[in-house]
Amino acid sequence: FVESSPKQDGRNMLMVIGPTRKKTEAKVEVK
């Protein structure tokens, strides 16, 4: 999901997407 909406930063435009699952849950599934 979009954790940080798009914003201009000089010549770049940034956006942060966060995972819907926690890392611990992902590790359990990977294992």
PDB file of all heavy atoms in Angstrom:
ATOM      1  N   PHE A   1       0.850  -1.192   0.000  1.00  0.00           N
ATOM      2  CA  PHE A   1       0.000   0.000   0.000  1.00  0.00           C
ATOM      3  C   PHE A   1       0.885   1.242   0.000  1.00  0.00           C
ATOM      4  O   PHE A   1       2.055   1.191   0.401  1.00  0.00           O
ATOM      5  CB  PHE A   1      -0.906   0.015   1.231  1.00  0.00           C
ATOM      6  CG  PHE A   1      -0.146   0.079   2.530  1.00  0.00           C
ATOM      7  CD1 PHE A   1       0.093   1.292   3.165  1.00  0.00           C
ATOM      8  CD2 PHE A   1       0.367  -1.080   3.109  1.00  0.00           C
ATOM      9  CE1 PHE A   1       0.809   1.353   4.345  1.00  0.00           C
ATOM     10  CE2 PHE A   1       1.085  -1.023   4.294  1.00  0.00           C
ATOM     11  CZ  PHE A   1       1.304   0.181   4.920  1.00  0.00           C
ATOM     12  N   VAL A   2       0.324   2.338  -0.465  1.00  0.00           N
ATOM     13  CA  VAL A   2       1.090   3.588  -0.536  1.00  0.00           C
ATOM     14  C   VAL A   2       1.236   4.151   0.871  1.00  0.00           C
ATOM     15  O   VAL A   2       0.269   4.582   1.490  1.00  0.00           O
ATOM     16  CB  VAL A   2       0.406   4.605  -1.453  1.00  0.00           C
ATOM     17  CG1 VAL A   2       1.183   5.930  -1.447  1.00  0.00           C
ATOM     18  CG2 VAL A   2       0.306   4.060  -2.868  1.00  0.00           C
ATOM     19  N   GLU A   3       2.451   4.117   1.374  1.00  0.00           N
ATOM     20  CA  GLU A   3       2.730   4.615   2.718  1.00  0.00           C
ATOM     21  C   GLU A   3       3.094   6.091   2.675  1.00  0.00           C
ATOM     22  O   GLU A   3       2.797   6.839   3.608  1.00  0.00           O
ATOM     23  CB  GLU A   3       3.868   3.799   3.335  1.00  0.00           C
ATOM     24  CG  GLU A   3       4.145   4.118   4.789  1.00  0.00           C
ATOM     25  CD  GLU A   3       5.169   3.186   5.396  1.00  0.00           C
ATOM     26  OE1 GLU A   3       4.846   2.007   5.613  1.00  0.00           O
ATOM     27  OE2 GLU A   3       6.310   3.642   5.641  1.00  0.00           O
ATOM     28  N   SER A   4       3.751   6.499   1.620  1.00  0.00           N
ATOM     29  CA  SER A   4       4.116   7.908   1.432  1.00  0.00           C
ATOM     30  C   SER A   4       3.743   8.306   0.014  1.00  0.00           C
ATOM     31  O   SER A   4       4.280   7.755  -0.949  1.00  0.00           O
ATOM     32  CB  SER A   4       5.617   8.113   1.670  1.00  0.00           C
ATOM     33  OG  SER A   4       5.982   9.460   1.454  1.00  0.00           O
ATOM     34  N   SER A   5       2.815   9.228  -0.121  1.00  0.00           N
ATOM     35  CA  SER A   5       2.311   9.628  -1.436  1.00  0.00           C
ATOM     36  C   SER A   5       3.406  10.275  -2.278  1.00  0.00           C
ATOM     37  O   SER A   5       4.407  10.777  -1.746  1.00  0.00           O
ATOM     38  CB  SER A   5       1.150  10.609  -1.267  1.00  0.00           C
ATOM     39  OG  SER A   5       0.095  10.002  -0.534  1.00  0.00           O
ATOM     40  N   PRO A   6       3.233  10.257  -3.606  1.00  0.00           N
ATOM     41  CA  PRO A   6       4.256  10.845  -4.491  1.00  0.00           C
ATOM     42  C   PRO A   6       4.543  12.313  -4.152  1.00  0.00           C
ATOM     43  O   PRO A   6       3.622  13.098  -3.914  1.00  0.00           O
ATOM     44  CB  PRO A   6       3.614  10.716  -5.881  1.00  0.00           C
ATOM     45  CG  PRO A   6       2.682   9.568  -5.758  1.00  0.00           C
ATOM     46  CD  PRO A   6       2.139   9.630  -4.371  1.00  0.00           C
ATOM     47  N   LYS A   7       5.820  12.655  -4.133  1.00  0.00           N
ATOM     48  CA  LYS A   7       6.213  14.042  -3.881  1.00  0.00           C
ATOM     49  C   LYS A   7       7.478  14.345  -4.664  1.00  0.00           C
ATOM     50  O   LYS A   7       8.324  13.478  -4.880  1.00  0.00           O
ATOM     51  CB  LYS A   7       6.422  14.296  -2.386  1.00  0.00           C
ATOM     52  CG  LYS A   7       7.542  13.476  -1.765  1.00  0.00           C
ATOM     53  CD  LYS A   7       7.684  13.787  -0.282  1.00  0.00           C
ATOM     54  CE  LYS A   7       8.814  12.973   0.356  1.00  0.00           C
ATOM     55  NZ  LYS A   7       8.948  13.270   1.800  1.00  0.00           N
ATOM     56  N   GLN A   8       7.596  15.568  -5.078  1.00  0.00           N
ATOM     57  CA  GLN A   8       8.742  16.009  -5.859  1.00  0.00           C
ATOM     58  C   GLN A   8       9.928  16.263  -4.953  1.00  0.00           C
ATOM     59  O   GLN A   8       9.797  16.852  -3.878  1.00  0.00           O
ATOM     60  CB  GLN A   8       8.388  17.283  -6.627  1.00  0.00           C
ATOM     61  CG  GLN A   8       9.347  17.636  -7.751  1.00  0.00           C
ATOM     62  CD  GLN A   8       9.165  16.734  -8.972  1.00  0.00           C
ATOM     63  OE1 GLN A   8       8.061  16.255  -9.220  1.00  0.00           O
ATOM     64  NE2 GLN A   8      10.215  16.540  -9.739  1.00  0.00           N
ATOM     65  N   ASP A   9      11.088  15.791  -5.354  1.00  0.00           N
ATOM     66  CA  ASP A   9      12.321  16.000  -4.600  1.00  0.00           C
ATOM     67  C   ASP A   9      13.409  16.367  -5.596  1.00  0.00           C
ATOM     68  O   ASP A   9      14.153  15.514  -6.089  1.00  0.00           O
ATOM     69  CB  ASP A   9      12.682  14.750  -3.816  1.00  0.00           C
ATOM     70  CG  ASP A   9      13.940  14.939  -2.976  1.00  0.00           C
ATOM     71  OD1 ASP A   9      14.306  16.104  -2.700  1.00  0.00           O
ATOM     72  OD2 ASP A   9      14.570  13.930  -2.601  1.00  0.00           O
ATOM     73  N   GLY A  10      13.527  17.671  -5.897  1.00  0.00           N
ATOM     74  CA  GLY A  10      14.484  18.113  -6.899  1.00  0.00           C
ATOM     75  C   GLY A  10      14.119  17.577  -8.270  1.00  0.00           C
ATOM     76  O   GLY A  10      12.997  17.779  -8.750  1.00  0.00           O
ATOM     77  N   ARG A  11      15.037  16.848  -8.898  1.00  0.00           N
ATOM     78  CA  ARG A  11      14.771  16.277 -10.215  1.00  0.00           C
ATOM     79  C   ARG A  11      14.044  14.932 -10.143  1.00  0.00           C
ATOM     80  O   ARG A  11      13.727  14.345 -11.184  1.00  0.00           O
ATOM     81  CB  ARG A  11      16.091  16.090 -10.973  1.00  0.00           C
ATOM     82  CG  ARG A  11      16.808  17.392 -11.307  1.00  0.00           C
ATOM     83  CD  ARG A  11      18.035  17.106 -12.129  1.00  0.00           C
ATOM     84  NE  ARG A  11      18.724  18.327 -12.524  1.00  0.00           N
ATOM     85  CZ  ARG A  11      19.800  18.368 -13.313  1.00  0.00           C
ATOM     86  NH1 ARG A  11      20.304  17.213 -13.757  1.00  0.00           N
ATOM     87  NH2 ARG A  11      20.362  19.506 -13.636  1.00  0.00           N
ATOM     88  N   ASN A  12      13.800  14.461  -8.945  1.00  0.00           N
ATOM     89  CA  ASN A  12      13.172  13.153  -8.772  1.00  0.00           C
ATOM     90  C   ASN A  12      11.782  13.276  -8.166  1.00  0.00           C
ATOM     91  O   ASN A  12      11.440  14.296  -7.552  1.00  0.00           O
ATOM     92  CB  ASN A  12      14.029  12.254  -7.873  1.00  0.00           C
ATOM     93  CG  ASN A  12      15.415  12.020  -8.436  1.00  0.00           C
ATOM     94  OD1 ASN A  12      15.599  11.973  -9.650  1.00  0.00           O
ATOM     95  ND2 ASN A  12      16.397  11.870  -7.563  1.00  0.00           N
ATOM     96  N   MET A  13      11.002  12.226  -8.319  1.00  0.00           N
ATOM     97  CA  MET A  13       9.716  12.116  -7.651  1.00  0.00           C
ATOM     98  C   MET A  13       9.727  10.807  -6.875  1.00  0.00           C
ATOM     99  O   MET A  13      10.115   9.762  -7.410  1.00  0.00           O
ATOM    100  CB  MET A  13       8.564  12.131  -8.659  1.00  0.00           C
ATOM    101  CG  MET A  13       7.181  12.096  -8.005  1.00  0.00           C
ATOM    102  SD  MET A  13       5.823  12.268  -9.205  1.00  0.00           S
ATOM    103  CE  MET A  13       6.001  14.015  -9.625  1.00  0.00           C
ATOM    104  N   LEU A  14       9.322  10.880  -5.607  1.00  0.00           N
ATOM    105  CA  LEU A  14       9.451   9.732  -4.708  1.00  0.00           C
ATOM    106  C   LEU A  14       8.098   9.255  -4.202  1.00  0.00           C
ATOM    107  O   LEU A  14       7.171  10.041  -4.027  1.00  0.00           O
ATOM    108  CB  LEU A  14      10.328  10.093  -3.505  1.00  0.00           C
ATOM    109  CG  LEU A  14      11.680  10.748  -3.783  1.00  0.00           C
ATOM    110  CD1 LEU A  14      12.377  11.103  -2.478  1.00  0.00           C
ATOM    111  CD2 LEU A  14      12.554   9.833  -4.625  1.00  0.00           C
ATOM    112  N   MET A  15       8.028   7.973  -3.946  1.00  0.00           N
ATOM    113  CA  MET A  15       6.861   7.364  -3.318  1.00  0.00           C
ATOM    114  C   MET A  15       7.337   6.137  -2.553  1.00  0.00           C
ATOM    115  O   MET A  15       8.218   5.414  -3.015  1.00  0.00           O
ATOM    116  CB  MET A  15       5.809   6.969  -4.369  1.00  0.00           C
ATOM    117  CG  MET A  15       4.566   6.292  -3.781  1.00  0.00           C
ATOM    118  SD  MET A  15       3.338   5.845  -5.054  1.00  0.00           S
ATOM    119  CE  MET A  15       4.183   4.449  -5.820  1.00  0.00           C
ATOM    120  N   VAL A  16       6.748   5.892  -1.384  1.00  0.00           N
ATOM    121  CA  VAL A  16       7.105   4.725  -0.583  1.00  0.00           C
ATOM    122  C   VAL A  16       5.904   3.794  -0.503  1.00  0.00           C
ATOM    123  O   VAL A  16       4.794   4.220  -0.179  1.00  0.00           O
ATOM    124  CB  VAL A  16       7.564   5.121   0.835  1.00  0.00           C
ATOM    125  CG1 VAL A  16       7.847   3.880   1.679  1.00  0.00           C
ATOM    126  CG2 VAL A  16       8.805   6.007   0.762  1.00  0.00           C
ATOM    127  N   ILE A  17       6.148   2.524  -0.797  1.00  0.00           N
ATOM    128  CA  ILE A  17       5.108   1.498  -0.710  1.00  0.00           C
ATOM    129  C   ILE A  17       5.466   0.554   0.423  1.00  0.00           C
ATOM    130  O   ILE A  17       6.585   0.021   0.476  1.00  0.00           O
ATOM    131  CB  ILE A  17       4.976   0.713  -2.027  1.00  0.00           C
ATOM    132  CG1 ILE A  17       4.654   1.662  -3.183  1.00  0.00           C
ATOM    133  CG2 ILE A  17       3.900  -0.359  -1.912  1.00  0.00           C
ATOM    134  CD1 ILE A  17       4.549   0.960  -4.530  1.00  0.00           C
ATOM    135  N   GLY A  18       4.533   0.363   1.348  1.00  0.00           N
ATOM    136  CA  GLY A  18       4.758  -0.541   2.472  1.00  0.00           C
ATOM    137  C   GLY A  18       4.123  -1.895   2.217  1.00  0.00           C
ATOM    138  O   GLY A  18       3.134  -2.006   1.495  1.00  0.00           O
ATOM    139  N   PRO A  19       4.686  -2.956   2.790  1.00  0.00           N
ATOM    140  CA  PRO A  19       4.130  -4.301   2.588  1.00  0.00           C
ATOM    141  C   PRO A  19       2.837  -4.485   3.373  1.00  0.00           C
ATOM    142  O   PRO A  19       2.676  -3.934   4.461  1.00  0.00           O
ATOM    143  CB  PRO A  19       5.238  -5.219   3.114  1.00  0.00           C
ATOM    144  CG  PRO A  19       5.920  -4.395   4.165  1.00  0.00           C
ATOM    145  CD  PRO A  19       5.869  -2.965   3.679  1.00  0.00           C
ATOM    146  N   THR A  20       1.929  -5.271   2.816  1.00  0.00           N
ATOM    147  CA  THR A  20       0.680  -5.541   3.528  1.00  0.00           C
ATOM    148  C   THR A  20       0.887  -6.530   4.661  1.00  0.00           C
ATOM    149  O   THR A  20       0.068  -6.607   5.566  1.00  0.00           O
ATOM    150  CB  THR A  20      -0.375  -6.100   2.566  1.00  0.00           C
ATOM    151  OG1 THR A  20       0.156  -7.247   1.881  1.00  0.00           O
ATOM    152  CG2 THR A  20      -0.768  -5.057   1.537  1.00  0.00           C
ATOM    153  N   ARG A  21       1.977  -7.297   4.613  1.00  0.00           N
ATOM    154  CA  ARG A  21       2.266  -8.265   5.665  1.00  0.00           C
ATOM    155  C   ARG A  21       3.516  -7.867   6.419  1.00  0.00           C
ATOM    156  O   ARG A  21       4.404  -7.235   5.862  1.00  0.00           O
ATOM    157  CB  ARG A  21       2.465  -9.664   5.074  1.00  0.00           C
ATOM    158  CG  ARG A  21       1.250 -10.239   4.404  1.00  0.00           C
ATOM    159  CD  ARG A  21       1.563 -11.618   3.882  1.00  0.00           C
ATOM    160  NE  ARG A  21       2.748 -11.599   3.019  1.00  0.00           N
ATOM    161  CZ  ARG A  21       3.351 -12.687   2.579  1.00  0.00           C
ATOM    162  NH1 ARG A  21       2.909 -13.870   2.932  1.00  0.00           N
ATOM    163  NH2 ARG A  21       4.398 -12.600   1.790  1.00  0.00           N
ATOM    164  N   LYS A  22       3.571  -8.245   7.679  1.00  0.00           N
ATOM    165  CA  LYS A  22       4.758  -7.984   8.478  1.00  0.00           C
ATOM    166  C   LYS A  22       5.897  -8.895   8.025  1.00  0.00           C
ATOM    167  O   LYS A  22       5.673  -9.960   7.466  1.00  0.00           O
ATOM    168  CB  LYS A  22       4.467  -8.233   9.968  1.00  0.00           C
ATOM    169  CG  LYS A  22       3.450  -7.272  10.559  1.00  0.00           C
ATOM    170  CD  LYS A  22       3.233  -7.574  12.032  1.00  0.00           C
ATOM    171  CE  LYS A  22       2.224  -6.612  12.638  1.00  0.00           C
ATOM    172  NZ  LYS A  22       1.982  -6.893  14.072  1.00  0.00           N
ATOM    173  N   LYS A  23       7.096  -8.449   8.298  1.00  0.00           N
ATOM    174  CA  LYS A  23       8.272  -9.210   7.876  1.00  0.00           C
ATOM    175  C   LYS A  23       8.316 -10.573   8.552  1.00  0.00           C
ATOM    176  O   LYS A  23       8.738 -11.567   7.951  1.00  0.00           O
ATOM    177  CB  LYS A  23       9.541  -8.429   8.191  1.00  0.00           C
ATOM    178  CG  LYS A  23      10.772  -8.918   7.436  1.00  0.00           C
ATOM    179  CD  LYS A  23      11.946  -8.012   7.688  1.00  0.00           C
ATOM    180  CE  LYS A  23      13.136  -8.422   6.844  1.00  0.00           C
ATOM    181  NZ  LYS A  23      12.908  -8.209   5.414  1.00  0.00           N
ATOM    182  N   THR A  24       7.861 -10.627   9.810  1.00  0.00           N
ATOM    183  CA  THR A  24       7.869 -11.912  10.510  1.00  0.00           C
ATOM    184  C   THR A  24       6.940 -12.907   9.817  1.00  0.00           C
ATOM    185  O   THR A  24       7.257 -14.090   9.707  1.00  0.00           O
ATOM    186  CB  THR A  24       7.433 -11.727  11.972  1.00  0.00           C
ATOM    187  OG1 THR A  24       6.207 -10.975  12.028  1.00  0.00           O
ATOM    188  CG2 THR A  24       8.497 -10.996  12.759  1.00  0.00           C
ATOM    189  N   GLU A  25       5.783 -12.408   9.351  1.00  0.00           N
ATOM    190  CA  GLU A  25       4.846 -13.282   8.650  1.00  0.00           C
ATOM    191  C   GLU A  25       5.443 -13.750   7.336  1.00  0.00           C
ATOM    192  O   GLU A  25       5.286 -14.918   6.948  1.00  0.00           O
ATOM    193  CB  GLU A  25       3.540 -12.539   8.399  1.00  0.00           C
ATOM    194  CG  GLU A  25       2.784 -12.151   9.676  1.00  0.00           C
ATOM    195  CD  GLU A  25       1.585 -11.296   9.392  1.00  0.00           C
ATOM    196  OE1 GLU A  25       1.422 -10.865   8.230  1.00  0.00           O
ATOM    197  OE2 GLU A  25       0.794 -11.040  10.314  1.00  0.00           O
ATOM    198  N   ALA A  26       6.116 -12.834   6.646  1.00  0.00           N
ATOM    199  CA  ALA A  26       6.746 -13.203   5.373  1.00  0.00           C
ATOM    200  C   ALA A  26       7.824 -14.253   5.598  1.00  0.00           C
ATOM    201  O   ALA A  26       7.963 -15.195   4.821  1.00  0.00           O
ATOM    202  CB  ALA A  26       7.338 -11.960   4.703  1.00  0.00           C
ATOM    203  N   LYS A  27       8.597 -14.111   6.689  1.00  0.00           N
ATOM    204  CA  LYS A  27       9.653 -15.086   6.979  1.00  0.00           C
ATOM    205  C   LYS A  27       9.065 -16.459   7.253  1.00  0.00           C
ATOM    206  O   LYS A  27       9.620 -17.481   6.837  1.00  0.00           O
ATOM    207  CB  LYS A  27      10.481 -14.619   8.184  1.00  0.00           C
ATOM    208  CG  LYS A  27      11.418 -13.465   7.891  1.00  0.00           C
ATOM    209  CD  LYS A  27      12.242 -13.128   9.112  1.00  0.00           C
ATOM    210  CE  LYS A  27      13.263 -12.034   8.799  1.00  0.00           C
ATOM    211  NZ  LYS A  27      14.075 -11.694   9.990  1.00  0.00           N
ATOM    212  N   VAL A  28       7.928 -16.479   7.964  1.00  0.00           N
ATOM    213  CA  VAL A  28       7.277 -17.762   8.257  1.00  0.00           C
ATOM    214  C   VAL A  28       6.844 -18.440   6.960  1.00  0.00           C
ATOM    215  O   VAL A  28       7.030 -19.647   6.772  1.00  0.00           O
ATOM    216  CB  VAL A  28       6.070 -17.549   9.187  1.00  0.00           C
ATOM    217  CG1 VAL A  28       5.235 -18.826   9.282  1.00  0.00           C
ATOM    218  CG2 VAL A  28       6.535 -17.130  10.569  1.00  0.00           C
ATOM    219  N   GLU A  29       6.272 -17.644   6.046  1.00  0.00           N
ATOM    220  CA  GLU A  29       5.820 -18.219   4.779  1.00  0.00           C
ATOM    221  C   GLU A  29       6.987 -18.695   3.931  1.00  0.00           C
ATOM    222  O   GLU A  29       6.925 -19.750   3.290  1.00  0.00           O
ATOM    223  CB  GLU A  29       4.995 -17.191   4.002  1.00  0.00           C
ATOM    224  CG  GLU A  29       4.425 -17.734   2.708  1.00  0.00           C
ATOM    225  CD  GLU A  29       3.433 -16.791   2.065  1.00  0.00           C
ATOM    226  OE1 GLU A  29       2.642 -16.174   2.793  1.00  0.00           O
ATOM    227  OE2 GLU A  29       3.445 -16.679   0.826  1.00  0.00           O
ATOM    228  N   VAL A  30       8.065 -17.914   3.914  1.00  0.00           N
ATOM    229  CA  VAL A  30       9.246 -18.312   3.147  1.00  0.00           C
ATOM    230  C   VAL A  30       9.817 -19.611   3.705  1.00  0.00           C
ATOM    231  O   VAL A  30      10.204 -20.513   2.958  1.00  0.00           O
ATOM    232  CB  VAL A  30      10.308 -17.189   3.184  1.00  0.00           C
ATOM    233  CG1 VAL A  30      11.632 -17.691   2.625  1.00  0.00           C
ATOM    234  CG2 VAL A  30       9.831 -15.990   2.370  1.00  0.00           C
ATOM    235  N   LYS A  31       9.876 -19.717   5.031  1.00  0.00           N
ATOM    236  CA  LYS A  31      10.387 -20.947   5.652  1.00  0.00           C
ATOM    237  C   LYS A  31       9.491 -22.137   5.323  1.00  0.00           C
ATOM    238  O   LYS A  31       9.976 -23.234   5.031  1.00  0.00           O
ATOM    239  CB  LYS A  31      10.484 -20.769   7.164  1.00  0.00           C
ATOM    240  CG  LYS A  31      11.086 -21.982   7.874  1.00  0.00           C
ATOM    241  CD  LYS A  31      11.175 -21.761   9.370  1.00  0.00           C
ATOM    242  CE  LYS A  31      11.862 -22.952  10.051  1.00  0.00           C
ATOM    243  NZ  LYS A  31      11.146 -24.212   9.808  1.00  0.00           N
TER     244      LYS A  31
END
